[in-house]
């Protein structure tokens, strides 16, 4: 595989750099991992991160299959995706604002409960419905990646994107769920949930407003 990739190292380094800058910028994925790290703990945040990473394969798949071109050239289809993403983020945001977990429980170090399945699905859906991720991968495969690049190399790129994204957010999960960080945010009590809820709703509004 390394021999096959050798002629494409420059292309790979270019797209890997662009991807790193994109994944490091704050957005819905970051907001979800942040909330799960603080509210539910490290395990939930890591599983959420895995869901986000696997959702990247959705974007890669439709970019390779040409479905992405259909989305890009059919405005109403992209609008449906954007509204669905906005509604999902707003729903999570409203639930965060309505959080009833007591400040005492937070201070004593007790976390809320979320199943592994729900944590994974939340991460997967948040990234899978993110229209900015859709545009990013459409642009990447249309502009930064040559049309002459073999499909097996493109598949390797896709796997790299998925693994790199998951590892980034897993690392973020470990940092955000560390004792010092969690203790600092826990002292803010229920205000943290409210702030995160407002942030998620703001992201939803931004998605719709930017259409």
Protein backbone atom coordinates (compact mmCIF):
# COMPACT_ATOMS: atom_id res chain seq x y z
CA UNK A 1 0.00 0.00 0.00
CA UNK A 2 2.87 2.36 0.80
CA UNK A 3 4.36 1.73 -2.64
CA UNK A 4 1.02 2.49 -4.28
CA UNK A 5 0.68 5.67 -2.23
CA UNK A 6 4.19 6.94 -3.00
CA UNK A 7 3.26 8.97 -6.14
CA UNK A 8 0.50 10.69 -4.17
CA UNK A 9 2.40 11.79 -1.05
CA UNK A 10 2.18 15.49 -1.91
CA UNK A 11 -1.55 15.20 -2.52
CA UNK A 12 -2.00 13.24 0.71
CA UNK A 13 -0.02 15.71 2.83
CA UNK A 14 -2.02 18.58 1.31
CA UNK A 15 -5.44 17.10 2.05
CA UNK A 16 -4.31 15.85 5.47
CA UNK A 17 -3.29 19.39 6.41
CA UNK A 18 -6.56 20.86 5.14
CA UNK A 19 -8.50 18.18 7.02
CA UNK A 20 -6.61 18.86 10.27
CA UNK A 21 -7.42 22.57 10.07
CA UNK A 22 -11.07 21.78 9.37
CA UNK A 23 -11.53 19.22 12.14
CA UNK A 24 -9.80 21.48 14.68
CA UNK A 25 -12.18 24.39 14.07
CA UNK A 26 -15.11 24.64 16.53
CA UNK A 27 -18.42 23.34 15.26
CA UNK A 28 -21.27 20.93 16.06
CA UNK A 29 -18.89 17.97 16.54
CA UNK A 30 -16.77 19.90 19.02
CA UNK A 31 -19.86 21.10 20.90
CA UNK A 32 -21.25 17.57 21.25
CA UNK A 33 -17.94 16.09 22.43
CA UNK A 34 -17.52 18.96 24.89
CA UNK A 35 -20.98 18.46 26.38
CA UNK A 36 -20.67 14.68 26.61
CA UNK A 37 -17.20 14.94 28.17
CA UNK A 38 -18.44 17.18 30.96
CA UNK A 39 -21.96 15.86 31.44
CA UNK A 40 -21.46 12.12 30.96
CA UNK A 41 -17.75 11.45 31.32
CA UNK A 42 -14.85 10.12 29.29
CA UNK A 43 -16.40 6.85 28.07
CA UNK A 44 -19.44 8.58 26.57
CA UNK A 45 -17.27 11.24 24.92
CA UNK A 46 -14.92 8.65 23.41
CA UNK A 47 -17.83 6.62 22.00
CA UNK A 48 -19.34 9.82 20.64
CA UNK A 49 -15.98 10.55 18.97
CA UNK A 50 -15.98 7.11 17.34
CA UNK A 51 -19.46 7.85 15.97
CA UNK A 52 -18.22 11.13 14.53
CA UNK A 53 -15.25 9.39 12.92
CA UNK A 54 -17.37 6.67 11.31
CA UNK A 55 -19.82 9.26 9.97
CA UNK A 56 -16.93 10.67 7.93
CA UNK A 57 -17.16 7.50 5.83
CA UNK A 58 -20.67 8.58 4.76
CA UNK A 59 -19.30 11.78 3.26
CA UNK A 60 -16.45 9.90 1.61
CA UNK A 61 -18.81 7.26 0.19
CA UNK A 62 -21.20 9.67 -1.50
CA UNK A 63 -18.28 11.75 -2.78
CA UNK A 64 -16.79 8.63 -4.43
CA UNK A 65 -20.13 7.39 -5.75
CA UNK A 66 -21.10 10.73 -7.28
CA UNK A 67 -24.11 11.22 -5.00
CA UNK A 68 -22.33 14.27 -3.66
CA UNK A 69 -22.58 15.89 -7.08
CA UNK A 70 -26.34 15.32 -6.98
CA UNK A 71 -26.54 17.03 -3.58
CA UNK A 72 -24.40 19.92 -4.79
CA UNK A 73 -26.43 20.46 -7.96
CA UNK A 74 -29.84 20.00 -6.32
CA UNK A 75 -30.38 22.98 -3.98
CA UNK A 76 -33.58 21.68 -2.38
CA UNK A 77 -31.89 18.41 -1.39
CA UNK A 78 -29.06 20.28 0.30
CA UNK A 79 -31.63 22.53 2.01
CA UNK A 80 -33.42 19.47 3.42
CA UNK A 81 -30.10 18.20 4.81
CA UNK A 82 -29.37 21.61 6.35
CA UNK A 83 -32.81 21.91 7.98
CA UNK A 84 -32.54 18.36 9.35
CA UNK A 85 -29.14 19.15 10.86
CA UNK A 86 -30.41 22.41 12.34
CA UNK A 87 -33.45 20.72 13.87
CA UNK A 88 -31.30 17.99 15.41
CA UNK A 89 -28.84 20.46 16.95
CA UNK A 90 -31.70 22.62 18.24
CA UNK A 91 -33.34 19.58 19.85
CA UNK A 92 -30.11 18.66 21.66
CA UNK A 93 -29.69 22.30 22.68
CA UNK A 94 -33.18 22.60 24.16
CA UNK A 95 -32.64 19.39 26.12
CA UNK A 96 -29.40 20.82 27.50
CA UNK A 97 -31.11 24.06 28.56
CA UNK A 98 -33.83 22.07 30.33
CA UNK A 99 -31.29 19.93 32.18
CA UNK A 100 -32.42 19.28 35.76
CA UNK A 101 -29.28 17.63 37.11
CA UNK A 102 -28.59 19.18 40.49
CA UNK A 103 -25.54 21.28 41.22
CA UNK A 104 -24.85 19.14 44.27
CA UNK A 105 -24.57 16.01 42.15
CA UNK A 106 -22.12 17.75 39.85
CA UNK A 107 -19.97 18.98 42.70
CA UNK A 108 -19.85 15.49 44.22
CA UNK A 109 -18.56 14.17 40.92
CA UNK A 110 -21.66 12.29 39.80
CA UNK A 111 -22.29 12.16 36.07
CA UNK A 112 -25.54 11.87 34.19
CA UNK A 113 -26.27 8.64 32.37
CA UNK A 114 -26.23 8.02 28.63
CA UNK A 115 -26.08 4.64 26.91
CA UNK A 116 -23.18 3.71 24.66
CA UNK A 117 -25.61 3.36 21.77
CA UNK A 118 -27.09 6.81 22.29
CA UNK A 119 -23.62 8.39 22.62
CA UNK A 120 -22.52 6.73 19.37
CA UNK A 121 -25.69 7.65 17.47
CA UNK A 122 -25.49 11.25 18.66
CA UNK A 123 -21.94 11.58 17.35
CA UNK A 124 -22.74 9.78 14.09
CA UNK A 125 -25.88 11.79 13.33
CA UNK A 126 -24.33 15.12 14.33
CA UNK A 127 -21.50 14.70 11.83
CA UNK A 128 -23.53 12.83 9.21
CA UNK A 129 -26.11 15.62 9.00
CA UNK A 130 -23.57 18.44 9.14
CA UNK A 131 -23.92 20.30 5.81
CA UNK A 132 -20.54 21.96 6.33
CA UNK A 133 -18.95 18.51 6.37
CA UNK A 134 -20.85 17.72 3.18
CA UNK A 135 -19.49 20.82 1.44
CA UNK A 136 -15.99 20.19 2.77
CA UNK A 137 -15.71 16.68 1.35
CA UNK A 138 -17.40 17.61 -1.92
CA UNK A 139 -14.84 20.39 -2.37
CA UNK A 140 -11.95 18.20 -1.27
CA UNK A 141 -12.73 15.39 -3.70
CA UNK A 142 -13.55 17.79 -6.53
CA UNK A 143 -10.64 20.22 -6.17
CA UNK A 144 -7.81 18.97 -3.93
CA UNK A 145 -7.89 15.34 -5.07
CA UNK A 146 -7.03 14.71 -8.71
CA UNK A 147 -9.58 12.96 -10.90
CA UNK A 148 -6.73 10.68 -12.01
CA UNK A 149 -6.11 9.45 -8.45
CA UNK A 150 -7.13 5.74 -8.33
CA UNK A 151 -10.19 4.81 -6.32
CA UNK A 152 -8.19 2.59 -3.97
CA UNK A 153 -6.05 5.59 -3.05
CA UNK A 154 -9.19 7.68 -2.52
CA UNK A 155 -10.58 4.95 -0.27
CA UNK A 156 -7.33 5.08 1.72
CA UNK A 157 -7.80 8.86 2.05
CA UNK A 158 -11.32 8.26 3.32
CA UNK A 159 -10.19 5.77 5.93
CA UNK A 160 -7.51 8.21 7.02
CA UNK A 161 -10.08 11.00 7.40
CA UNK A 162 -12.29 8.75 9.53
CA UNK A 163 -9.47 7.52 11.80
CA UNK A 164 -7.84 10.95 12.12
CA UNK A 165 -11.16 12.60 12.99
CA UNK A 166 -11.98 9.97 15.61
CA UNK A 167 -8.50 10.21 17.16
CA UNK A 168 -8.70 14.02 17.30
CA UNK A 169 -11.97 13.97 19.20
CA UNK A 170 -10.88 11.06 21.40
CA UNK A 171 -7.86 13.12 22.42
CA UNK A 172 -10.16 16.07 23.04
CA UNK A 173 -12.40 13.80 25.12
CA UNK A 174 -9.52 12.78 27.36
CA UNK A 175 -8.53 16.41 27.89
CA UNK A 176 -12.05 17.71 28.54
CA UNK A 177 -12.93 14.83 30.86
CA UNK A 178 -9.78 15.22 32.95
CA UNK A 179 -10.39 15.91 36.63
CA UNK A 180 -9.18 19.52 36.63
CA UNK A 181 -11.24 20.53 33.59
CA UNK A 182 -14.40 18.75 34.76
CA UNK A 183 -14.07 20.13 38.29
CA UNK A 184 -13.67 23.65 36.93
CA UNK A 185 -16.79 23.41 34.77
CA UNK A 186 -18.80 21.54 37.44
CA UNK A 187 -18.39 24.54 39.73
CA UNK A 188 -20.51 26.47 37.27
CA UNK A 189 -23.39 24.07 37.99
CA UNK A 190 -26.39 24.03 35.67
CA UNK A 191 -25.14 27.17 33.90
CA UNK A 192 -22.78 25.04 31.86
CA UNK A 193 -25.66 23.03 30.40
CA UNK A 194 -27.53 26.22 29.61
CA UNK A 195 -24.51 27.77 27.89
CA UNK A 196 -23.96 24.62 25.85
CA UNK A 197 -27.64 24.54 24.96
CA UNK A 198 -27.51 28.12 23.72
CA UNK A 199 -24.35 27.33 21.74
CA UNK A 200 -25.99 24.35 20.02
CA UNK A 201 -29.11 26.36 19.20
CA UNK A 202 -26.91 29.16 17.87
CA UNK A 203 -25.17 26.65 15.60
CA UNK A 204 -28.60 25.47 14.39
CA UNK A 205 -29.66 29.05 13.64
CA UNK A 206 -26.40 29.69 11.84
CA UNK A 207 -26.97 26.68 9.61
CA UNK A 208 -30.41 27.96 8.58
CA UNK A 209 -29.35 31.60 8.38
CA UNK A 210 -26.43 30.76 6.13
CA UNK A 211 -28.60 28.97 3.57
